[in-house]
Amino acid sequence: MTNESAMDKVERFEIELYKTPKDKKSLAKSNVSFSGSPQKHPYDPDKVILVVDPYSSNTFYYEFNKSDITFVEELPNIVNLYGDVFPMVRIWVRKMSVAVRCTPFVVADLRG
């Protein structure tokens, strides 16, 4: 399964509104930023998936609880050669939150 076909199965969604922090320096003290293309979680509405570099052949994704996200910044969209557009964002997640990082790979025996 290619990255594009896997991403086509996940429904896209609009970014929810988050209040702009009064002091962005304090935001960095209590949060960590992650950038990527946001996707709806396939079965849990309280989680969000963030696909890092969606057109790379070596991509991965993060899974965060929505309640752990404190701020979202919109970044420039990515467009592929076929005109498909993926929105990109930077999300700020509370430090010490529990999240998942998933790296898909092809199972193979490299010894021969």
PDB file of N, CA and C in Angstrom:
ATOM      1  N   MET A   1       0.848  -1.167   0.000  1.00  0.00           N
ATOM      2  CA  MET A   1       0.000   0.000   0.000  1.00  0.00           C
ATOM      3  C   MET A   1       0.895   1.232   0.000  1.00  0.00           C
ATOM      4  N   THR A   2       0.655   2.164  -0.906  1.00  0.00           N
ATOM      5  CA  THR A   2       1.463   3.369  -0.971  1.00  0.00           C
ATOM      6  C   THR A   2       0.993   4.364   0.076  1.00  0.00           C
ATOM      7  N   ASN A   3       1.844   5.356   0.330  1.00  0.00           N
ATOM      8  CA  ASN A   3       1.481   6.387   1.293  1.00  0.00           C
ATOM      9  C   ASN A   3       0.230   7.128   0.857  1.00  0.00           C
ATOM     10  N   GLU A   4       0.124   7.433  -0.448  1.00  0.00           N
ATOM     11  CA  GLU A   4      -1.017   8.182  -0.944  1.00  0.00           C
ATOM     12  C   GLU A   4      -2.305   7.387  -0.795  1.00  0.00           C
ATOM     13  N   SER A   5      -2.296   6.074  -1.079  1.00  0.00           N
ATOM     14  CA  SER A   5      -3.525   5.299  -0.956  1.00  0.00           C
ATOM     15  C   SER A   5      -3.915   5.139   0.501  1.00  0.00           C
ATOM     16  N   ALA A   6      -2.948   5.047   1.392  1.00  0.00           N
ATOM     17  CA  ALA A   6      -3.255   4.957   2.822  1.00  0.00           C
ATOM     18  C   ALA A   6      -3.858   6.257   3.306  1.00  0.00           C
ATOM     19  N   MET A   7      -3.356   7.374   2.813  1.00  0.00           N
ATOM     20  CA  MET A   7      -3.875   8.666   3.254  1.00  0.00           C
ATOM     21  C   MET A   7      -5.244   8.948   2.659  1.00  0.00           C
ATOM     22  N   ASP A   8      -5.540   8.399   1.477  1.00  0.00           N
ATOM     23  CA  ASP A   8      -6.845   8.608   0.877  1.00  0.00           C
ATOM     24  C   ASP A   8      -7.948   7.972   1.711  1.00  0.00           C
ATOM     25  N   LYS A   9      -7.633   6.902   2.442  1.00  0.00           N
ATOM     26  CA  LYS A   9      -8.630   6.217   3.246  1.00  0.00           C
ATOM     27  C   LYS A   9      -9.012   6.998   4.495  1.00  0.00           C
ATOM     28  N   VAL A  10      -8.141   7.903   4.936  1.00  0.00           N
ATOM     29  CA  VAL A  10      -8.409   8.693   6.129  1.00  0.00           C
ATOM     30  C   VAL A  10      -9.086   9.981   5.708  1.00  0.00           C
ATOM     31  N   GLU A  11     -10.222  10.264   6.300  1.00  0.00           N
ATOM     32  CA  GLU A  11     -11.002  11.444   5.954  1.00  0.00           C
ATOM     33  C   GLU A  11     -10.325  12.712   6.459  1.00  0.00           C
ATOM     34  N   ARG A  12     -10.281  13.742   5.638  1.00  0.00           N
ATOM     35  CA  ARG A  12      -9.686  15.010   6.042  1.00  0.00           C
ATOM     36  C   ARG A  12     -10.708  15.803   6.858  1.00  0.00           C
ATOM     37  N   PHE A  13     -10.217  16.777   7.625  1.00  0.00           N
ATOM     38  CA  PHE A  13     -11.126  17.574   8.423  1.00  0.00           C
ATOM     39  C   PHE A  13     -10.597  18.986   8.584  1.00  0.00           C
ATOM     40  N   GLU A  14     -11.501  19.876   8.958  1.00  0.00           N
ATOM     41  CA  GLU A  14     -11.127  21.258   9.182  1.00  0.00           C
ATOM     42  C   GLU A  14     -10.454  21.388  10.540  1.00  0.00           C
ATOM     43  N   ILE A  15      -9.547  22.304  10.654  1.00  0.00           N
ATOM     44  CA  ILE A  15      -8.841  22.529  11.899  1.00  0.00           C
ATOM     45  C   ILE A  15      -9.766  23.250  12.870  1.00  0.00           C
ATOM     46  N   GLU A  16      -9.819  22.751  14.102  1.00  0.00           N
ATOM     47  CA  GLU A  16     -10.626  23.403  15.118  1.00  0.00           C
ATOM     48  C   GLU A  16      -9.924  24.679  15.566  1.00  0.00           C
ATOM     49  N   LEU A  17     -10.698  25.655  16.036  1.00  0.00           N
ATOM     50  CA  LEU A  17     -10.131  26.915  16.467  1.00  0.00           C
ATOM     51  C   LEU A  17      -9.513  26.791  17.857  1.00  0.00           C
ATOM     52  N   TYR A  18      -8.341  27.341  18.000  1.00  0.00           N
ATOM     53  CA  TYR A  18      -7.653  27.400  19.276  1.00  0.00           C
ATOM     54  C   TYR A  18      -7.331  28.860  19.549  1.00  0.00           C
ATOM     55  N   LYS A  19      -7.391  29.270  20.796  1.00  0.00           N
ATOM     56  CA  LYS A  19      -7.091  30.655  21.148  1.00  0.00           C
ATOM     57  C   LYS A  19      -5.599  30.928  20.979  1.00  0.00           C
ATOM     58  N   THR A  20      -5.290  32.081  20.415  1.00  0.00           N
ATOM     59  CA  THR A  20      -3.901  32.484  20.267  1.00  0.00           C
ATOM     60  C   THR A  20      -3.332  32.768  21.643  1.00  0.00           C
ATOM     61  N   PRO A  21      -2.192  32.205  21.958  1.00  0.00           N
ATOM     62  CA  PRO A  21      -1.605  32.463  23.274  1.00  0.00           C
ATOM     63  C   PRO A  21      -1.202  33.923  23.421  1.00  0.00           C
ATOM     64  N   LYS A  22      -1.330  34.446  24.633  1.00  0.00           N
ATOM     65  CA  LYS A  22      -0.950  35.839  24.883  1.00  0.00           C
ATOM     66  C   LYS A  22       0.558  36.018  24.770  1.00  0.00           C
ATOM     67  N   ASP A  23       1.297  35.014  25.216  1.00  0.00           N
ATOM     68  CA  ASP A  23       2.750  35.084  25.215  1.00  0.00           C
ATOM     69  C   ASP A  23       3.304  33.819  24.565  1.00  0.00           C
ATOM     70  N   LYS A  24       3.835  33.949  23.358  1.00  0.00           N
ATOM     71  CA  LYS A  24       4.317  32.765  22.636  1.00  0.00           C
ATOM     72  C   LYS A  24       5.569  32.164  23.275  1.00  0.00           C
ATOM     73  N   LYS A  25       6.328  32.944  24.042  1.00  0.00           N
ATOM     74  CA  LYS A  25       7.498  32.386  24.732  1.00  0.00           C
ATOM     75  C   LYS A  25       7.063  31.412  25.815  1.00  0.00           C
ATOM     76  N   SER A  26       5.982  31.719  26.503  1.00  0.00           N
ATOM     77  CA  SER A  26       5.489  30.798  27.531  1.00  0.00           C
ATOM     78  C   SER A  26       4.901  29.540  26.891  1.00  0.00           C
ATOM     79  N   LEU A  27       4.402  29.671  25.670  1.00  0.00           N
ATOM     80  CA  LEU A  27       3.887  28.506  24.941  1.00  0.00           C
ATOM     81  C   LEU A  27       5.007  27.488  24.731  1.00  0.00           C
ATOM     82  N   ALA A  28       6.192  27.953  24.354  1.00  0.00           N
ATOM     83  CA  ALA A  28       7.326  27.061  24.112  1.00  0.00           C
ATOM     84  C   ALA A  28       7.860  26.441  25.402  1.00  0.00           C
ATOM     85  N   LYS A  29       7.652  27.082  26.525  1.00  0.00           N
ATOM     86  CA  LYS A  29       8.113  26.535  27.806  1.00  0.00           C
ATOM     87  C   LYS A  29       7.278  25.338  28.250  1.00  0.00           C
ATOM     88  N   SER A  30       5.988  25.365  27.930  1.00  0.00           N
ATOM     89  CA  SER A  30       5.092  24.304  28.419  1.00  0.00           C
ATOM     90  C   SER A  30       4.595  23.370  27.327  1.00  0.00           C
ATOM     91  N   ASN A  31       5.031  23.575  26.075  1.00  0.00           N
ATOM     92  CA  ASN A  31       4.558  22.779  24.943  1.00  0.00           C
ATOM     93  C   ASN A  31       5.699  22.440  23.999  1.00  0.00           C
ATOM     94  N   VAL A  32       5.458  21.446  23.139  1.00  0.00           N
ATOM     95  CA  VAL A  32       6.403  21.059  22.091  1.00  0.00           C
ATOM     96  C   VAL A  32       5.646  21.142  20.765  1.00  0.00           C
ATOM     97  N   SER A  33       6.297  21.663  19.719  1.00  0.00           N
ATOM     98  CA  SER A  33       5.613  21.802  18.427  1.00  0.00           C
ATOM     99  C   SER A  33       5.932  20.625  17.510  1.00  0.00           C
ATOM    100  N   PHE A  34       4.938  20.260  16.694  1.00  0.00           N
ATOM    101  CA  PHE A  34       5.054  19.210  15.681  1.00  0.00           C
ATOM    102  C   PHE A  34       4.394  19.736  14.418  1.00  0.00           C
ATOM    103  N   SER A  35       4.994  19.459  13.250  1.00  0.00           N
ATOM    104  CA  SER A  35       4.434  19.927  11.978  1.00  0.00           C
ATOM    105  C   SER A  35       4.069  18.750  11.098  1.00  0.00           C
ATOM    106  N   GLY A  36       2.985  18.912  10.332  1.00  0.00           N
ATOM    107  CA  GLY A  36       2.561  17.869   9.413  1.00  0.00           C
ATOM    108  C   GLY A  36       1.170  18.148   8.883  1.00  0.00           C
ATOM    109  N   SER A  37       0.608  17.152   8.236  1.00  0.00           N
ATOM    110  CA  SER A  37      -0.731  17.255   7.660  1.00  0.00           C
ATOM    111  C   SER A  37      -1.733  16.580   8.607  1.00  0.00           C
ATOM    112  N   PRO A  38      -2.709  17.332   9.135  1.00  0.00           N
ATOM    113  CA  PRO A  38      -3.657  16.745  10.083  1.00  0.00           C
ATOM    114  C   PRO A  38      -4.689  15.872   9.384  1.00  0.00           C
ATOM    115  N   GLN A  39      -5.018  14.764  10.008  1.00  0.00           N
ATOM    116  CA  GLN A  39      -6.012  13.830   9.470  1.00  0.00           C
ATOM    117  C   GLN A  39      -6.942  13.404  10.600  1.00  0.00           C
ATOM    118  N   LYS A  40      -8.187  13.103  10.264  1.00  0.00           N
ATOM    119  CA  LYS A  40      -9.100  12.554  11.255  1.00  0.00           C
ATOM    120  C   LYS A  40      -8.632  11.163  11.645  1.00  0.00           C
ATOM    121  N   HIS A  41      -8.772  10.848  12.914  1.00  0.00           N
ATOM    122  CA  HIS A  41      -8.466   9.499  13.375  1.00  0.00           C
ATOM    123  C   HIS A  41      -9.549   8.571  12.834  1.00  0.00           C
ATOM    124  N   PRO A  42      -9.210   7.376  12.356  1.00  0.00           N
ATOM    125  CA  PRO A  42     -10.209   6.512  11.711  1.00  0.00           C
ATOM    126  C   PRO A  42     -11.326   6.017  12.629  1.00  0.00           C
ATOM    127  N   TYR A  43     -11.111   5.965  13.945  1.00  0.00           N
ATOM    128  CA  TYR A  43     -12.179   5.450  14.805  1.00  0.00           C
ATOM    129  C   TYR A  43     -12.324   6.172  16.142  1.00  0.00           C
ATOM    130  N   ASP A  44     -11.423   7.086  16.502  1.00  0.00           N
ATOM    131  CA  ASP A  44     -11.508   7.783  17.779  1.00  0.00           C
ATOM    132  C   ASP A  44     -11.630   9.291  17.548  1.00  0.00           C
ATOM    133  N   PRO A  45     -12.804   9.866  17.768  1.00  0.00           N
ATOM    134  CA  PRO A  45     -12.987  11.304  17.504  1.00  0.00           C
ATOM    135  C   PRO A  45     -12.221  12.209  18.470  1.00  0.00           C
ATOM    136  N   ASP A  46     -11.676  11.668  19.542  1.00  0.00           N
ATOM    137  CA  ASP A  46     -10.925  12.463  20.517  1.00  0.00           C
ATOM    138  C   ASP A  46      -9.432  12.494  20.219  1.00  0.00           C
ATOM    139  N   LYS A  47      -9.034  11.918  19.085  1.00  0.00           N
ATOM    140  CA  LYS A  47      -7.614  11.891  18.698  1.00  0.00           C
ATOM    141  C   LYS A  47      -7.443  12.491  17.313  1.00  0.00           C
ATOM    142  N   VAL A  48      -6.227  12.920  17.028  1.00  0.00           N
ATOM    143  CA  VAL A  48      -5.895  13.462  15.716  1.00  0.00           C
ATOM    144  C   VAL A  48      -4.594  12.805  15.258  1.00  0.00           C
ATOM    145  N   ILE A  49      -4.492  12.602  13.958  1.00  0.00           N
ATOM    146  CA  ILE A  49      -3.284  12.045  13.349  1.00  0.00           C
ATOM    147  C   ILE A  49      -2.577  13.176  12.611  1.00  0.00           C
ATOM    148  N   LEU A  50      -1.270  13.246  12.771  1.00  0.00           N
ATOM    149  CA  LEU A  50      -0.470  14.248  12.088  1.00  0.00           C
ATOM    150  C   LEU A  50       0.566  13.519  11.238  1.00  0.00           C
ATOM    151  N   VAL A  51       0.386  13.553   9.910  1.00  0.00           N
ATOM    152  CA  VAL A  51       1.285  12.863   8.981  1.00  0.00           C
ATOM    153  C   VAL A  51       2.448  13.799   8.644  1.00  0.00           C
ATOM    154  N   VAL A  52       3.645  13.352   8.949  1.00  0.00           N
ATOM    155  CA  VAL A  52       4.841  14.151   8.710  1.00  0.00           C
ATOM    156  C   VAL A  52       5.296  13.928   7.270  1.00  0.00           C
ATOM    157  N   ASP A  53       5.466  14.999   6.524  1.00  0.00           N
ATOM    158  CA  ASP A  53       5.937  14.949   5.134  1.00  0.00           C
ATOM    159  C   ASP A  53       5.170  13.898   4.328  1.00  0.00           C
ATOM    160  N   PRO A  54       3.886  14.152   4.040  1.00  0.00           N
ATOM    161  CA  PRO A  54       3.020  13.133   3.435  1.00  0.00           C
ATOM    162  C   PRO A  54       3.456  12.587   2.081  1.00  0.00           C
ATOM    163  N   TYR A  55       4.310  13.287   1.333  1.00  0.00           N
ATOM    164  CA  TYR A  55       4.712  12.789   0.016  1.00  0.00           C
ATOM    165  C   TYR A  55       6.076  12.125   0.022  1.00  0.00           C
ATOM    166  N   SER A  56       6.688  12.012   1.171  1.00  0.00           N
ATOM    167  CA  SER A  56       7.978  11.348   1.269  1.00  0.00           C
ATOM    168  C   SER A  56       7.795   9.834   1.154  1.00  0.00           C
ATOM    169  N   SER A  57       8.799   9.148   0.652  1.00  0.00           N
ATOM    170  CA  SER A  57       8.725   7.685   0.594  1.00  0.00           C
ATOM    171  C   SER A  57       9.044   7.066   1.950  1.00  0.00           C
ATOM    172  N   ASN A  58       9.516   7.881   2.887  1.00  0.00           N
ATOM    173  CA  ASN A  58       9.864   7.388   4.219  1.00  0.00           C
ATOM    174  C   ASN A  58       9.139   8.234   5.271  1.00  0.00           C
ATOM    175  N   THR A  59       7.815   8.227   5.247  1.00  0.00           N
ATOM    176  CA  THR A  59       7.040   9.077   6.145  1.00  0.00           C
ATOM    177  C   THR A  59       6.600   8.313   7.388  1.00  0.00           C
ATOM    178  N   PHE A  60       6.127   9.037   8.364  1.00  0.00           N
ATOM    179  CA  PHE A  60       5.562   8.450   9.580  1.00  0.00           C
ATOM    180  C   PHE A  60       4.476   9.383  10.077  1.00  0.00           C
ATOM    181  N   TYR A  61       3.771   8.964  11.116  1.00  0.00           N
ATOM    182  CA  TYR A  61       2.744   9.848  11.657  1.00  0.00           C
ATOM    183  C   TYR A  61       2.719   9.802  13.178  1.00  0.00           C
ATOM    184  N   TYR A  62       2.157  10.876  13.743  1.00  0.00           N
ATOM    185  CA  TYR A  62       1.938  10.969  15.178  1.00  0.00           C
ATOM    186  C   TYR A  62       0.446  10.850  15.445  1.00  0.00           C
ATOM    187  N   GLU A  63       0.117  10.370  16.627  1.00  0.00           N
ATOM    188  CA  GLU A  63      -1.270  10.309  17.072  1.00  0.00           C
ATOM    189  C   GLU A  63      -1.333  11.029  18.421  1.00  0.00           C
ATOM    190  N   PHE A  64      -2.149  12.087  18.496  1.00  0.00           N
ATOM    191  CA  PHE A  64      -2.269  12.896  19.702  1.00  0.00           C
ATOM    192  C   PHE A  64      -3.710  12.917  20.187  1.00  0.00           C
ATOM    193  N   ASN A  65      -3.893  13.076  21.490  1.00  0.00           N
ATOM    194  CA  ASN A  65      -5.210  13.366  22.039  1.00  0.00           C
ATOM    195  C   ASN A  65      -5.504  14.831  21.765  1.00  0.00           C
ATOM    196  N   LYS A  66      -6.707  15.136  21.304  1.00  0.00           N
ATOM    197  CA  LYS A  66      -7.065  16.523  21.020  1.00  0.00           C
ATOM    198  C   LYS A  66      -6.953  17.389  22.265  1.00  0.00           C
ATOM    199  N   SER A  67      -7.254  16.821  23.417  1.00  0.00           N
ATOM    200  CA  SER A  67      -7.219  17.589  24.668  1.00  0.00           C
ATOM    201  C   SER A  67      -5.796  18.017  25.050  1.00  0.00           C
ATOM    202  N   ASP A  68      -4.765  17.392  24.475  1.00  0.00           N
ATOM    203  CA  ASP A  68      -3.375  17.746  24.762  1.00  0.00           C
ATOM    204  C   ASP A  68      -2.843  18.839  23.840  1.00  0.00           C
ATOM    205  N   ILE A  69      -3.602  19.199  22.811  1.00  0.00           N
ATOM    206  CA  ILE A  69      -3.190  20.235  21.858  1.00  0.00           C
ATOM    207  C   ILE A  69      -3.634  21.584  22.397  1.00  0.00           C
ATOM    208  N   THR A  70      -2.673  22.504  22.552  1.00  0.00           N
ATOM    209  CA  THR A  70      -3.006  23.818  23.104  1.00  0.00           C
ATOM    210  C   THR A  70      -3.116  24.909  22.047  1.00  0.00           C
ATOM    211  N   PHE A  71      -2.461  24.732  20.898  1.00  0.00           N
ATOM    212  CA  PHE A  71      -2.496  25.760  19.864  1.00  0.00           C
ATOM    213  C   PHE A  71      -2.171  25.145  18.514  1.00  0.00           C
ATOM    214  N   VAL A  72      -2.777  25.685  17.441  1.00  0.00           N
ATOM    215  CA  VAL A  72      -2.532  25.210  16.074  1.00  0.00           C
ATOM    216  C   VAL A  72      -2.217  26.407  15.188  1.00  0.00           C
ATOM    217  N   GLU A  73      -1.144  26.295  14.416  1.00  0.00           N
ATOM    218  CA  GLU A  73      -0.777  27.324  13.441  1.00  0.00           C
ATOM    219  C   GLU A  73      -0.887  26.736  12.044  1.00  0.00           C
ATOM    220  N   GLU A  74      -1.506  27.458  11.137  1.00  0.00           N
ATOM    221  CA  GLU A  74      -1.578  26.992   9.749  1.00  0.00           C
ATOM    222  C   GLU A  74      -0.256  27.297   9.048  1.00  0.00           C
ATOM    223  N   LEU A  75       0.217  26.339   8.261  1.00  0.00           N
ATOM    224  CA  LEU A  75       1.426  26.485   7.459  1.00  0.00           C
ATOM    225  C   LEU A  75       1.026  26.435   5.983  1.00  0.00           C
ATOM    226  N   PRO A  76       1.929  26.770   5.065  1.00  0.00           N
ATOM    227  CA  PRO A  76       1.599  26.647   3.640  1.00  0.00           C
ATOM    228  C   PRO A  76       1.247  25.208   3.266  1.00  0.00           C
ATOM    229  N   ASN A  77       0.249  25.055   2.386  1.00  0.00           N
ATOM    230  CA  ASN A  77      -0.175  23.732   1.923  1.00  0.00           C
ATOM    231  C   ASN A  77       0.893  23.095   1.044  1.00  0.00           C
ATOM    232  N   ILE A  78       0.819  21.772   0.923  1.00  0.00           N
ATOM    233  CA  ILE A  78       1.690  21.026   0.017  1.00  0.00           C
ATOM    234  C   ILE A  78       0.834  20.545  -1.154  1.00  0.00           C
ATOM    235  N   VAL A  79       1.354  20.689  -2.376  1.00  0.00           N
ATOM    236  CA  VAL A  79       0.648  20.251  -3.581  1.00  0.00           C
ATOM    237  C   VAL A  79       1.552  19.286  -4.330  1.00  0.00           C
ATOM    238  N   ASN A  80       0.994  18.121  -4.750  1.00  0.00           N
ATOM    239  CA  ASN A  80       1.815  17.182  -5.514  1.00  0.00           C
ATOM    240  C   ASN A  80       1.680  17.456  -7.008  1.00  0.00           C
ATOM    241  N   LEU A  81       2.345  16.641  -7.817  1.00  0.00           N
ATOM    242  CA  LEU A  81       2.339  16.847  -9.269  1.00  0.00           C
ATOM    243  C   LEU A  81       0.956  16.692  -9.892  1.00  0.00           C
ATOM    244  N   TYR A  82       0.037  15.988  -9.201  1.00  0.00           N
ATOM    245  CA  TYR A  82      -1.315  15.743  -9.718  1.00  0.00           C
ATOM    246  C   TYR A  82      -2.309  16.796  -9.246  1.00  0.00           C
ATOM    247  N   GLY A  83      -1.838  17.765  -8.475  1.00  0.00           N
ATOM    248  CA  GLY A  83      -2.710  18.823  -7.990  1.00  0.00           C
ATOM    249  C   GLY A  83      -3.424  18.502  -6.687  1.00  0.00           C
ATOM    250  N   ASP A  84      -3.089  17.377  -6.051  1.00  0.00           N
ATOM    251  CA  ASP A  84      -3.685  17.052  -4.756  1.00  0.00           C
ATOM    252  C   ASP A  84      -3.069  17.969  -3.700  1.00  0.00           C
ATOM    253  N   VAL A  85      -3.921  18.552  -2.866  1.00  0.00           N
ATOM    254  CA  VAL A  85      -3.468  19.506  -1.862  1.00  0.00           C
ATOM    255  C   VAL A  85      -3.651  18.917  -0.468  1.00  0.00           C
ATOM    256  N   PHE A  86      -2.614  19.032   0.347  1.00  0.00           N
ATOM    257  CA  PHE A  86      -2.694  18.632   1.748  1.00  0.00           C
ATOM    258  C   PHE A  86      -2.405  19.845   2.610  1.00  0.00           C
ATOM    259  N   PRO A  87      -3.313  20.168   3.526  1.00  0.00           N
ATOM    260  CA  PRO A  87      -3.037  21.284   4.437  1.00  0.00           C
ATOM    261  C   PRO A  87      -1.932  20.896   5.417  1.00  0.00           C
ATOM    262  N   MET A  88      -1.118  21.846   5.781  1.00  0.00           N
ATOM    263  CA  MET A  88      -0.036  21.609   6.740  1.00  0.00           C
ATOM    264  C   MET A  88      -0.249  22.535   7.930  1.00  0.00           C
ATOM    265  N   VAL A  89       0.065  22.019   9.120  1.00  0.00           N
ATOM    266  CA  VAL A  89      -0.087  22.797  10.347  1.00  0.00           C
ATOM    267  C   VAL A  89       1.092  22.544  11.285  1.00  0.00           C
ATOM    268  N   ARG A  90       1.243  23.432  12.234  1.00  0.00           N
ATOM    269  CA  ARG A  90       2.156  23.215  13.362  1.00  0.00           C
ATOM    270  C   ARG A  90       1.261  23.169  14.590  1.00  0.00           C
ATOM    271  N   ILE A  91       1.297  22.056  15.313  1.00  0.00           N
ATOM    272  CA  ILE A  91       0.505  21.958  16.529  1.00  0.00           C
ATOM    273  C   ILE A  91       1.426  22.028  17.737  1.00  0.00           C
ATOM    274  N   TRP A  92       0.909  22.610  18.804  1.00  0.00           N
ATOM    275  CA  TRP A  92       1.650  22.720  20.057  1.00  0.00           C
ATOM    276  C   TRP A  92       0.983  21.795  21.051  1.00  0.00           C
ATOM    277  N   VAL A  93       1.754  20.837  21.568  1.00  0.00           N
ATOM    278  CA  VAL A  93       1.243  19.789  22.450  1.00  0.00           C
ATOM    279  C   VAL A  93       1.882  19.952  23.825  1.00  0.00           C
ATOM    280  N   ARG A  94       1.058  19.804  24.866  1.00  0.00           N
ATOM    281  CA  ARG A  94       1.561  19.929  26.239  1.00  0.00           C
ATOM    282  C   ARG A  94       2.714  18.959  26.495  1.00  0.00           C
ATOM    283  N   LYS A  95       3.747  19.433  27.158  1.00  0.00           N
ATOM    284  CA  LYS A  95       4.861  18.570  27.544  1.00  0.00           C
ATOM    285  C   LYS A  95       4.354  17.488  28.489  1.00  0.00           C
ATOM    286  N   MET A  96       4.958  16.325  28.409  1.00  0.00           N
ATOM    287  CA  MET A  96       4.644  15.144  29.216  1.00  0.00           C
ATOM    288  C   MET A  96       3.321  14.478  28.814  1.00  0.00           C
ATOM    289  N   SER A  97       2.725  14.886  27.711  1.00  0.00           N
ATOM    290  CA  SER A  97       1.548  14.194  27.182  1.00  0.00           C
ATOM    291  C   SER A  97       1.994  12.872  26.584  1.00  0.00           C
ATOM    292  N   VAL A  98       1.102  11.905  26.582  1.00  0.00           N
ATOM    293  CA  VAL A  98       1.403  10.611  25.976  1.00  0.00           C
ATOM    294  C   VAL A  98       0.871  10.624  24.548  1.00  0.00           C
ATOM    295  N   ALA A  99       1.734  10.286  23.592  1.00  0.00           N
ATOM    296  CA  ALA A  99       1.365  10.253  22.176  1.00  0.00           C
ATOM    297  C   ALA A  99       1.959   8.998  21.555  1.00  0.00           C
ATOM    298  N   VAL A 100       1.615   8.762  20.288  1.00  0.00           N
ATOM    299  CA  VAL A 100       2.117   7.594  19.560  1.00  0.00           C
ATOM    300  C   VAL A 100       2.829   8.083  18.314  1.00  0.00           C
ATOM    301  N   ARG A 101       3.997   7.505  18.027  1.00  0.00           N
ATOM    302  CA  ARG A 101       4.697   7.753  16.767  1.00  0.00           C
ATOM    303  C   ARG A 101       4.739   6.435  16.023  1.00  0.00           C
ATOM    304  N   CYS A 102       4.231   6.402  14.801  1.00  0.00           N
ATOM    305  CA  CYS A 102       4.152   5.171  14.024  1.00  0.00           C
ATOM    306  C   CYS A 102       4.964   5.329  12.739  1.00  0.00           C
ATOM    307  N   THR A 103       5.844   4.372  12.500  1.00  0.00           N
ATOM    308  CA  THR A 103       6.655   4.360  11.288  1.00  0.00           C
ATOM    309  C   THR A 103       6.343   3.100  10.496  1.00  0.00           C
ATOM    310  N   PRO A 104       5.567   3.218   9.415  1.00  0.00           N
ATOM    311  CA  PRO A 104       5.285   2.034   8.600  1.00  0.00           C
ATOM    312  C   PRO A 104       6.547   1.565   7.876  1.00  0.00           C
ATOM    313  N   PHE A 105       6.641   0.261   7.648  1.00  0.00           N
ATOM    314  CA  PHE A 105       7.790  -0.294   6.919  1.00  0.00           C
ATOM    315  C   PHE A 105       7.345  -1.568   6.207  1.00  0.00           C
ATOM    316  N   VAL A 106       8.138  -1.976   5.224  1.00  0.00           N
ATOM    317  CA  VAL A 106       7.885  -3.201   4.485  1.00  0.00           C
ATOM    318  C   VAL A 106       8.641  -4.328   5.184  1.00  0.00           C
ATOM    319  N   VAL A 107       7.937  -5.395   5.496  1.00  0.00           N
ATOM    320  CA  VAL A 107       8.564  -6.535   6.138  1.00  0.00           C
ATOM    321  C   VAL A 107       9.333  -7.328   5.077  1.00  0.00           C
ATOM    322  N   ALA A 108      10.613  -7.501   5.315  1.00  0.00           N
ATOM    323  CA  ALA A 108      11.453  -8.228   4.361  1.00  0.00           C
ATOM    324  C   ALA A 108      12.635  -8.835   5.079  1.00  0.00           C
ATOM    325  N   ASP A 109      13.133  -9.930   4.522  1.00  0.00           N
ATOM    326  CA  ASP A 109      14.346 -10.556   5.040  1.00  0.00           C
ATOM    327  C   ASP A 109      15.491 -10.039   4.188  1.00  0.00           C
ATOM    328  N   LEU A 110      16.326  -9.197   4.741  1.00  0.00           N
ATOM    329  CA  LEU A 110      17.387  -8.547   3.986  1.00  0.00           C
ATOM    330  C   LEU A 110      18.645  -9.391   3.840  1.00  0.00           C
ATOM    331  N   ARG A 111      18.645 -10.566   4.446  1.00  0.00           N
ATOM    332  CA  ARG A 111      19.837 -11.431   4.380  1.00  0.00           C
ATOM    333  C   ARG A 111      19.952 -12.181   3.058  1.00  0.00           C
ATOM    334  N   GLY A 112      18.940 -12.206   2.312  1.00  0.00           N
ATOM    335  CA  GLY A 112      19.141 -12.931   1.071  1.00  0.00           C
ATOM    336  C   GLY A 112      17.914 -13.365   0.479  1.00  0.00           C
TER     337      GLY A 112
END
